[in-house]
Each structure stands twice: as C-alpha cells, then as structure tokens.
Amino acid sequence: MLVNLLVWVILGALAGWIASMIMKKNAQMGAIANIVVGIVGAVIGGWVMNLFGASGATGLNLYSLLVAILGAVILLFVVGLVQRAMAK
C-alpha cells in the first residue's frame, strides 16, 4: 500500500510538472501543486481514456505518465478558463 502511494506521488509530481510546463504555469506552481495536479490529472486522463475505450493509468510506466499528463493539461486548461471567467 505504501509503495502504491509512493508510485502515485512520483507519477503525479512528474506529470504535474510536465503539464505545468506545457501550459506555461510552471513559475506559478510549487512541488505540492504539481503533485496534486498530476494525481488529479491521472484520474481525469483515465476517465477520458476510458471514454475512448482505452485503459487509464496502470502503474509507473510511460503510458500512465502520458495519460496523467493529458489529464493534468485538461485540468490546468479548465482551471485557467474558470479563473479568467471569475476575473471578469
């Protein structure tokens, strides 16, 4: 169980960091935010992949990392839209 938690934290940190660089939000986010965005992104990415008939995050591998990055980018995009809407 502890190993699974560690895998999620590592995958989340890496995916969140890469997604924040893709979305140009890296300077605004710290390590904890990257981990949270990556973990939530893995869940969102898994849900999106299931809609297309593919599997979600399956462990600490390249496919799971790509799924988590996809979800994290979607999350950051939606958060950006909400922030812009709230600022108006």
PDB file of N, CA and C in Angstrom:
ATOM      1  N   MET A   1       0.820  -1.193   0.000  1.00  0.00           N
ATOM      2  CA  MET A   1       0.000   0.000   0.000  1.00  0.00           C
ATOM      3  C   MET A   1       0.867   1.261   0.000  1.00  0.00           C
ATOM      4  N   LEU A   2       1.918   1.265   0.810  1.00  0.00           N
ATOM      5  CA  LEU A   2       2.817   2.418   0.860  1.00  0.00           C
ATOM      6  C   LEU A   2       3.532   2.604  -0.478  1.00  0.00           C
ATOM      7  N   VAL A   3       3.852   1.479  -1.132  1.00  0.00           N
ATOM      8  CA  VAL A   3       4.510   1.555  -2.439  1.00  0.00           C
ATOM      9  C   VAL A   3       3.564   2.156  -3.470  1.00  0.00           C
ATOM     10  N   ASN A   4       2.285   1.780  -3.419  1.00  0.00           N
ATOM     11  CA  ASN A   4       1.309   2.355  -4.355  1.00  0.00           C
ATOM     12  C   ASN A   4       1.172   3.851  -4.152  1.00  0.00           C
ATOM     13  N   LEU A   5       1.158   4.285  -2.906  1.00  0.00           N
ATOM     14  CA  LEU A   5       1.079   5.707  -2.610  1.00  0.00           C
ATOM     15  C   LEU A   5       2.304   6.439  -3.149  1.00  0.00           C
ATOM     16  N   LEU A   6       3.461   5.848  -2.962  1.00  0.00           N
ATOM     17  CA  LEU A   6       4.701   6.444  -3.460  1.00  0.00           C
ATOM     18  C   LEU A   6       4.699   6.525  -4.989  1.00  0.00           C
ATOM     19  N   VAL A   7       4.183   5.498  -5.644  1.00  0.00           N
ATOM     20  CA  VAL A   7       4.088   5.499  -7.111  1.00  0.00           C
ATOM     21  C   VAL A   7       3.174   6.627  -7.581  1.00  0.00           C
ATOM     22  N   TRP A   8       2.034   6.822  -6.909  1.00  0.00           N
ATOM     23  CA  TRP A   8       1.114   7.895  -7.283  1.00  0.00           C
ATOM     24  C   TRP A   8       1.751   9.263  -7.079  1.00  0.00           C
ATOM     25  N   VAL A   9       2.502   9.421  -6.005  1.00  0.00           N
ATOM     26  CA  VAL A   9       3.155  10.709  -5.744  1.00  0.00           C
ATOM     27  C   VAL A   9       4.219  10.987  -6.803  1.00  0.00           C
ATOM     28  N   ILE A  10       5.018   9.980  -7.139  1.00  0.00           N
ATOM     29  CA  ILE A  10       6.061  10.159  -8.163  1.00  0.00           C
ATOM     30  C   ILE A  10       5.428  10.455  -9.516  1.00  0.00           C
ATOM     31  N   LEU A  11       4.438   9.663  -9.904  1.00  0.00           N
ATOM     32  CA  LEU A  11       3.749   9.872 -11.183  1.00  0.00           C
ATOM     33  C   LEU A  11       3.072  11.245 -11.200  1.00  0.00           C
ATOM     34  N   GLY A  12       2.429  11.609 -10.099  1.00  0.00           N
ATOM     35  CA  GLY A  12       1.755  12.901 -10.022  1.00  0.00           C
ATOM     36  C   GLY A  12       2.723  14.062 -10.119  1.00  0.00           C
ATOM     37  N   ALA A  13       3.846  13.958  -9.414  1.00  0.00           N
ATOM     38  CA  ALA A  13       4.833  15.041  -9.444  1.00  0.00           C
ATOM     39  C   ALA A  13       5.381  15.237 -10.849  1.00  0.00           C
ATOM     40  N   LEU A  14       5.739  14.154 -11.499  1.00  0.00           N
ATOM     41  CA  LEU A  14       6.302  14.240 -12.845  1.00  0.00           C
ATOM     42  C   LEU A  14       5.272  14.736 -13.850  1.00  0.00           C
ATOM     43  N   ALA A  15       4.070  14.170 -13.804  1.00  0.00           N
ATOM     44  CA  ALA A  15       3.021  14.575 -14.749  1.00  0.00           C
ATOM     45  C   ALA A  15       2.598  16.023 -14.516  1.00  0.00           C
ATOM     46  N   GLY A  16       2.445  16.420 -13.263  1.00  0.00           N
ATOM     47  CA  GLY A  16       2.065  17.799 -12.958  1.00  0.00           C
ATOM     48  C   GLY A  16       3.110  18.797 -13.399  1.00  0.00           C
ATOM     49  N   TRP A  17       4.377  18.446 -13.194  1.00  0.00           N
ATOM     50  CA  TRP A  17       5.467  19.334 -13.598  1.00  0.00           C
ATOM     51  C   TRP A  17       5.505  19.499 -15.118  1.00  0.00           C
ATOM     52  N   ILE A  18       5.399  18.392 -15.849  1.00  0.00           N
ATOM     53  CA  ILE A  18       5.421  18.453 -17.311  1.00  0.00           C
ATOM     54  C   ILE A  18       4.204  19.227 -17.829  1.00  0.00           C
ATOM     55  N   ALA A  19       3.027  18.952 -17.266  1.00  0.00           N
ATOM     56  CA  ALA A  19       1.812  19.659 -17.698  1.00  0.00           C
ATOM     57  C   ALA A  19       1.912  21.152 -17.401  1.00  0.00           C
ATOM     58  N   SER A  20       2.499  21.507 -16.252  1.00  0.00           N
ATOM     59  CA  SER A  20       2.624  22.937 -15.935  1.00  0.00           C
ATOM     60  C   SER A  20       3.585  23.628 -16.898  1.00  0.00           C
ATOM     61  N   MET A  21       4.590  22.910 -17.375  1.00  0.00           N
ATOM     62  CA  MET A  21       5.488  23.496 -18.377  1.00  0.00           C
ATOM     63  C   MET A  21       4.779  23.627 -19.722  1.00  0.00           C
ATOM     64  N   ILE A  22       3.977  22.636 -20.086  1.00  0.00           N
ATOM     65  CA  ILE A  22       3.234  22.689 -21.346  1.00  0.00           C
ATOM     66  C   ILE A  22       2.262  23.866 -21.329  1.00  0.00           C
ATOM     67  N   MET A  23       1.589  24.071 -20.200  1.00  0.00           N
ATOM     68  CA  MET A  23       0.581  25.127 -20.081  1.00  0.00           C
ATOM     69  C   MET A  23       1.181  26.464 -19.638  1.00  0.00           C
ATOM     70  N   LYS A  24       2.501  26.519 -19.510  1.00  0.00           N
ATOM     71  CA  LYS A  24       3.226  27.740 -19.140  1.00  0.00           C
ATOM     72  C   LYS A  24       2.780  28.286 -17.777  1.00  0.00           C
ATOM     73  N   LYS A  25       2.582  27.385 -16.821  1.00  0.00           N
ATOM     74  CA  LYS A  25       2.211  27.759 -15.462  1.00  0.00           C
ATOM     75  C   LYS A  25       3.248  27.284 -14.459  1.00  0.00           C
ATOM     76  N   ASN A  26       4.404  26.874 -14.933  1.00  0.00           N
ATOM     77  CA  ASN A  26       5.419  26.294 -14.063  1.00  0.00           C
ATOM     78  C   ASN A  26       5.893  27.271 -12.994  1.00  0.00           C
ATOM     79  N   ALA A  27       6.027  28.546 -13.338  1.00  0.00           N
ATOM     80  CA  ALA A  27       6.510  29.535 -12.375  1.00  0.00           C
ATOM     81  C   ALA A  27       5.479  29.793 -11.276  1.00  0.00           C
ATOM     82  N   GLN A  28       4.221  29.513 -11.536  1.00  0.00           N
ATOM     83  CA  GLN A  28       3.156  29.781 -10.574  1.00  0.00           C
ATOM     84  C   GLN A  28       2.900  28.602  -9.634  1.00  0.00           C
ATOM     85  N   MET A  29       3.473  27.444  -9.922  1.00  0.00           N
ATOM     86  CA  MET A  29       3.149  26.239  -9.174  1.00  0.00           C
ATOM     87  C   MET A  29       4.368  25.726  -8.407  1.00  0.00           C
ATOM     88  N   GLY A  30       4.124  25.220  -7.221  1.00  0.00           N
ATOM     89  CA  GLY A  30       5.177  24.612  -6.429  1.00  0.00           C
ATOM     90  C   GLY A  30       5.107  23.098  -6.532  1.00  0.00           C
ATOM     91  N   ALA A  31       5.921  22.424  -5.757  1.00  0.00           N
ATOM     92  CA  ALA A  31       6.002  20.968  -5.806  1.00  0.00           C
ATOM     93  C   ALA A  31       4.682  20.305  -5.393  1.00  0.00           C
ATOM     94  N   ILE A  32       4.074  20.803  -4.328  1.00  0.00           N
ATOM     95  CA  ILE A  32       2.819  20.208  -3.857  1.00  0.00           C
ATOM     96  C   ILE A  32       1.718  20.387  -4.901  1.00  0.00           C
ATOM     97  N   ALA A  33       1.648  21.563  -5.495  1.00  0.00           N
ATOM     98  CA  ALA A  33       0.642  21.811  -6.537  1.00  0.00           C
ATOM     99  C   ALA A  33       0.874  20.888  -7.729  1.00  0.00           C
ATOM    100  N   ASN A  34       2.129  20.672  -8.109  1.00  0.00           N
ATOM    101  CA  ASN A  34       2.422  19.759  -9.214  1.00  0.00           C
ATOM    102  C   ASN A  34       1.965  18.344  -8.889  1.00  0.00           C
ATOM    103  N   ILE A  35       2.202  17.892  -7.662  1.00  0.00           N
ATOM    104  CA  ILE A  35       1.787  16.543  -7.266  1.00  0.00           C
ATOM    105  C   ILE A  35       0.271  16.414  -7.321  1.00  0.00           C
ATOM    106  N   VAL A  36      -0.428  17.396  -6.750  1.00  0.00           N
ATOM    107  CA  VAL A  36      -1.897  17.351  -6.738  1.00  0.00           C
ATOM    108  C   VAL A  36      -2.447  17.401  -8.157  1.00  0.00           C
ATOM    109  N   VAL A  37      -1.928  18.308  -8.973  1.00  0.00           N
ATOM    110  CA  VAL A  37      -2.388  18.418 -10.368  1.00  0.00           C
ATOM    111  C   VAL A  37      -2.116  17.120 -11.127  1.00  0.00           C
ATOM    112  N   GLY A  38      -0.962  16.520 -10.890  1.00  0.00           N
ATOM    113  CA  GLY A  38      -0.628  15.271 -11.571  1.00  0.00           C
ATOM    114  C   GLY A  38      -1.523  14.115 -11.158  1.00  0.00           C
ATOM    115  N   ILE A  39      -1.816  14.003  -9.861  1.00  0.00           N
ATOM    116  CA  ILE A  39      -2.671  12.909  -9.383  1.00  0.00           C
ATOM    117  C   ILE A  39      -4.104  13.097  -9.872  1.00  0.00           C
ATOM    118  N   VAL A  40      -4.626  14.313  -9.739  1.00  0.00           N
ATOM    119  CA  VAL A  40      -5.978  14.589 -10.247  1.00  0.00           C
ATOM    120  C   VAL A  40      -5.985  14.421 -11.766  1.00  0.00           C
ATOM    121  N   GLY A  41      -4.911  14.841 -12.418  1.00  0.00           N
ATOM    122  CA  GLY A  41      -4.792  14.669 -13.860  1.00  0.00           C
ATOM    123  C   GLY A  41      -4.805  13.212 -14.278  1.00  0.00           C
ATOM    124  N   ALA A  42      -4.190  12.344 -13.486  1.00  0.00           N
ATOM    125  CA  ALA A  42      -4.206  10.914 -13.792  1.00  0.00           C
ATOM    126  C   ALA A  42      -5.629  10.371 -13.739  1.00  0.00           C
ATOM    127  N   VAL A  43      -6.406  10.841 -12.778  1.00  0.00           N
ATOM    128  CA  VAL A  43      -7.807  10.414 -12.684  1.00  0.00           C
ATOM    129  C   VAL A  43      -8.605  10.935 -13.883  1.00  0.00           C
ATOM    130  N   ILE A  44      -8.437  12.215 -14.203  1.00  0.00           N
ATOM    131  CA  ILE A  44      -9.136  12.805 -15.352  1.00  0.00           C
ATOM    132  C   ILE A  44      -8.694  12.131 -16.647  1.00  0.00           C
ATOM    133  N   GLY A  45      -7.387  11.948 -16.799  1.00  0.00           N
ATOM    134  CA  GLY A  45      -6.872  11.288 -18.000  1.00  0.00           C
ATOM    135  C   GLY A  45      -7.392   9.862 -18.132  1.00  0.00           C
ATOM    136  N   GLY A  46      -7.472   9.144 -17.021  1.00  0.00           N
ATOM    137  CA  GLY A  46      -8.017   7.785 -17.048  1.00  0.00           C
ATOM    138  C   GLY A  46      -9.475   7.776 -17.463  1.00  0.00           C
ATOM    139  N   TRP A  47     -10.229   8.755 -16.975  1.00  0.00           N
ATOM    140  CA  TRP A  47     -11.637   8.861 -17.349  1.00  0.00           C
ATOM    141  C   TRP A  47     -11.779   9.150 -18.842  1.00  0.00           C
ATOM    142  N   VAL A  48     -10.967  10.081 -19.351  1.00  0.00           N
ATOM    143  CA  VAL A  48     -11.011  10.421 -20.780  1.00  0.00           C
ATOM    144  C   VAL A  48     -10.613   9.209 -21.624  1.00  0.00           C
ATOM    145  N   MET A  49      -9.570   8.516 -21.214  1.00  0.00           N
ATOM    146  CA  MET A  49      -9.129   7.347 -21.977  1.00  0.00           C
ATOM    147  C   MET A  49     -10.189   6.246 -21.968  1.00  0.00           C
ATOM    148  N   ASN A  50     -10.895   6.082 -20.849  1.00  0.00           N
ATOM    149  CA  ASN A  50     -11.976   5.094 -20.788  1.00  0.00           C
ATOM    150  C   ASN A  50     -13.109   5.456 -21.737  1.00  0.00           C
ATOM    151  N   LEU A  51     -13.350   6.758 -21.948  1.00  0.00           N
ATOM    152  CA  LEU A  51     -14.367   7.170 -22.911  1.00  0.00           C
ATOM    153  C   LEU A  51     -14.024   6.707 -24.321  1.00  0.00           C
ATOM    154  N   PHE A  52     -12.726   6.613 -24.610  1.00  0.00           N
ATOM    155  CA  PHE A  52     -12.263   6.168 -25.929  1.00  0.00           C
ATOM    156  C   PHE A  52     -11.991   4.670 -25.973  1.00  0.00           C
ATOM    157  N   GLY A  53     -12.295   3.957 -24.901  1.00  0.00           N
ATOM    158  CA  GLY A  53     -12.131   2.508 -24.885  1.00  0.00           C
ATOM    159  C   GLY A  53     -10.746   2.040 -24.497  1.00  0.00           C
ATOM    160  N   ALA A  54      -9.886   2.928 -24.059  1.00  0.00           N
ATOM    161  CA  ALA A  54      -8.534   2.552 -23.634  1.00  0.00           C
ATOM    162  C   ALA A  54      -8.498   2.522 -22.103  1.00  0.00           C
ATOM    163  N   SER A  55      -7.430   1.969 -21.575  1.00  0.00           N
ATOM    164  CA  SER A  55      -7.309   1.906 -20.121  1.00  0.00           C
ATOM    165  C   SER A  55      -6.722   3.205 -19.584  1.00  0.00           C
ATOM    166  N   GLY A  56      -6.935   3.431 -18.309  1.00  0.00           N
ATOM    167  CA  GLY A  56      -6.395   4.616 -17.650  1.00  0.00           C
ATOM    168  C   GLY A  56      -4.980   4.357 -17.173  1.00  0.00           C
ATOM    169  N   ALA A  57      -4.568   5.054 -16.144  1.00  0.00           N
ATOM    170  CA  ALA A  57      -3.229   4.881 -15.579  1.00  0.00           C
ATOM    171  C   ALA A  57      -3.111   3.472 -15.000  1.00  0.00           C
ATOM    172  N   THR A  58      -2.045   2.792 -15.353  1.00  0.00           N
ATOM    173  CA  THR A  58      -1.888   1.389 -14.961  1.00  0.00           C
ATOM    174  C   THR A  58      -0.705   1.151 -14.037  1.00  0.00           C
ATOM    175  N   GLY A  59       0.030   2.151 -13.682  1.00  0.00           N
ATOM    176  CA  GLY A  59       1.192   1.988 -12.803  1.00  0.00           C
ATOM    177  C   GLY A  59       2.255   3.002 -13.172  1.00  0.00           C
ATOM    178  N   LEU A  60       3.451   2.741 -12.782  1.00  0.00           N
ATOM    179  CA  LEU A  60       4.550   3.660 -13.077  1.00  0.00           C
ATOM    180  C   LEU A  60       5.209   3.225 -14.390  1.00  0.00           C
ATOM    181  N   ASN A  61       4.629   3.709 -15.503  1.00  0.00           N
ATOM    182  CA  ASN A  61       5.155   3.412 -16.834  1.00  0.00           C
ATOM    183  C   ASN A  61       4.874   4.594 -17.755  1.00  0.00           C
ATOM    184  N   LEU A  62       5.407   4.551 -18.953  1.00  0.00           N
ATOM    185  CA  LEU A  62       5.280   5.668 -19.888  1.00  0.00           C
ATOM    186  C   LEU A  62       3.828   5.936 -20.264  1.00  0.00           C
ATOM    187  N   TYR A  63       3.055   4.886 -20.494  1.00  0.00           N
ATOM    188  CA  TYR A  63       1.649   5.065 -20.871  1.00  0.00           C
ATOM    189  C   TYR A  63       0.895   5.807 -19.771  1.00  0.00           C
ATOM    190  N   SER A  64       1.076   5.386 -18.534  1.00  0.00           N
ATOM    191  CA  SER A  64       0.395   6.040 -17.416  1.00  0.00           C
ATOM    192  C   SER A  64       0.835   7.488 -17.272  1.00  0.00           C
ATOM    193  N   LEU A  65       2.112   7.744 -17.497  1.00  0.00           N
ATOM    194  CA  LEU A  65       2.616   9.111 -17.435  1.00  0.00           C
ATOM    195  C   LEU A  65       1.937   9.969 -18.497  1.00  0.00           C
ATOM    196  N   LEU A  66       1.803   9.458 -19.706  1.00  0.00           N
ATOM    197  CA  LEU A  66       1.153  10.209 -20.782  1.00  0.00           C
ATOM    198  C   LEU A  66      -0.322  10.451 -20.479  1.00  0.00           C
ATOM    199  N   VAL A  67      -0.993   9.450 -19.914  1.00  0.00           N
ATOM    200  CA  VAL A  67      -2.398   9.611 -19.528  1.00  0.00           C
ATOM    201  C   VAL A  67      -2.521  10.690 -18.457  1.00  0.00           C
ATOM    202  N   ALA A  68      -1.630  10.664 -17.467  1.00  0.00           N
ATOM    203  CA  ALA A  68      -1.663  11.652 -16.390  1.00  0.00           C
ATOM    204  C   ALA A  68      -1.351  13.053 -16.914  1.00  0.00           C
ATOM    205  N   ILE A  69      -0.407  13.161 -17.835  1.00  0.00           N
ATOM    206  CA  ILE A  69      -0.092  14.466 -18.422  1.00  0.00           C
ATOM    207  C   ILE A  69      -1.293  15.001 -19.188  1.00  0.00           C
ATOM    208  N   LEU A  70      -1.943  14.149 -19.974  1.00  0.00           N
ATOM    209  CA  LEU A  70      -3.149  14.558 -20.710  1.00  0.00           C
ATOM    210  C   LEU A  70      -4.203  15.100 -19.755  1.00  0.00           C
ATOM    211  N   GLY A  71      -4.465  14.371 -18.697  1.00  0.00           N
ATOM    212  CA  GLY A  71      -5.461  14.812 -17.725  1.00  0.00           C
ATOM    213  C   GLY A  71      -5.054  16.083 -17.015  1.00  0.00           C
ATOM    214  N   ALA A  72      -3.768  16.212 -16.687  1.00  0.00           N
ATOM    215  CA  ALA A  72      -3.287  17.409 -15.996  1.00  0.00           C
ATOM    216  C   ALA A  72      -3.373  18.639 -16.890  1.00  0.00           C
ATOM    217  N   VAL A  73      -3.093  18.469 -18.171  1.00  0.00           N
ATOM    218  CA  VAL A  73      -3.224  19.584 -19.119  1.00  0.00           C
ATOM    219  C   VAL A  73      -4.691  20.001 -19.220  1.00  0.00           C
ATOM    220  N   ILE A  74      -5.595  19.025 -19.284  1.00  0.00           N
ATOM    221  CA  ILE A  74      -7.026  19.333 -19.320  1.00  0.00           C
ATOM    222  C   ILE A  74      -7.428  20.087 -18.054  1.00  0.00           C
ATOM    223  N   LEU A  75      -6.958  19.620 -16.898  1.00  0.00           N
ATOM    224  CA  LEU A  75      -7.277  20.269 -15.626  1.00  0.00           C
ATOM    225  C   LEU A  75      -6.772  21.699 -15.592  1.00  0.00           C
ATOM    226  N   LEU A  76      -5.525  21.922 -15.981  1.00  0.00           N
ATOM    227  CA  LEU A  76      -4.964  23.271 -15.969  1.00  0.00           C
ATOM    228  C   LEU A  76      -5.685  24.189 -16.951  1.00  0.00           C
ATOM    229  N   PHE A  77      -6.100  23.650 -18.090  1.00  0.00           N
ATOM    230  CA  PHE A  77      -6.845  24.430 -19.071  1.00  0.00           C
ATOM    231  C   PHE A  77      -8.192  24.878 -18.495  1.00  0.00           C
ATOM    232  N   VAL A  78      -8.909  23.950 -17.884  1.00  0.00           N
ATOM    233  CA  VAL A  78     -10.220  24.268 -17.309  1.00  0.00           C
ATOM    234  C   VAL A  78     -10.071  25.252 -16.148  1.00  0.00           C
ATOM    235  N   VAL A  79      -9.068  25.053 -15.302  1.00  0.00           N
ATOM    236  CA  VAL A  79      -8.831  25.984 -14.188  1.00  0.00           C
ATOM    237  C   VAL A  79      -8.526  27.380 -14.737  1.00  0.00           C
ATOM    238  N   GLY A  80      -7.743  27.464 -15.801  1.00  0.00           N
ATOM    239  CA  GLY A  80      -7.443  28.756 -16.425  1.00  0.00           C
ATOM    240  C   GLY A  80      -8.694  29.430 -16.958  1.00  0.00           C
ATOM    241  N   LEU A  81      -9.591  28.650 -17.571  1.00  0.00           N
ATOM    242  CA  LEU A  81     -10.846  29.211 -18.067  1.00  0.00           C
ATOM    243  C   LEU A  81     -11.702  29.752 -16.930  1.00  0.00           C
ATOM    244  N   VAL A  82     -11.780  29.010 -15.855  1.00  0.00           N
ATOM    245  CA  VAL A  82     -12.570  29.434 -14.704  1.00  0.00           C
ATOM    246  C   VAL A  82     -11.978  30.694 -14.082  1.00  0.00           C
ATOM    247  N   GLN A  83     -10.653  30.744 -13.962  1.00  0.00           N
ATOM    248  CA  GLN A  83     -10.014  31.928 -13.395  1.00  0.00           C
ATOM    249  C   GLN A  83     -10.266  33.162 -14.246  1.00  0.00           C
ATOM    250  N   ARG A  84     -10.214  33.004 -15.565  1.00  0.00           N
ATOM    251  CA  ARG A  84     -10.480  34.147 -16.444  1.00  0.00           C
ATOM    252  C   ARG A  84     -11.935  34.580 -16.342  1.00  0.00           C
ATOM    253  N   ALA A  85     -12.844  33.626 -16.221  1.00  0.00           N
ATOM    254  CA  ALA A  85     -14.263  33.962 -16.100  1.00  0.00           C
ATOM    255  C   ALA A  85     -14.549  34.669 -14.783  1.00  0.00           C
ATOM    256  N   MET A  86     -13.870  34.257 -13.729  1.00  0.00           N
ATOM    257  CA  MET A  86     -14.075  34.867 -12.413  1.00  0.00           C
ATOM    258  C   MET A  86     -13.475  36.278 -12.357  1.00  0.00           C
ATOM    259  N   ALA A  87     -12.444  36.535 -13.159  1.00  0.00           N
ATOM    260  CA  ALA A  87     -11.776  37.841 -13.153  1.00  0.00           C
ATOM    261  C   ALA A  87     -12.612  38.905 -13.861  1.00  0.00           C
ATOM    262  N   LYS A  88     -13.546  38.509 -14.692  1.00  0.00           N
ATOM    263  CA  LYS A  88     -14.348  39.475 -15.452  1.00  0.00           C
ATOM    264  C   LYS A  88     -15.478  40.020 -14.638  1.00  0.00           C
TER     265      LYS A  88
END
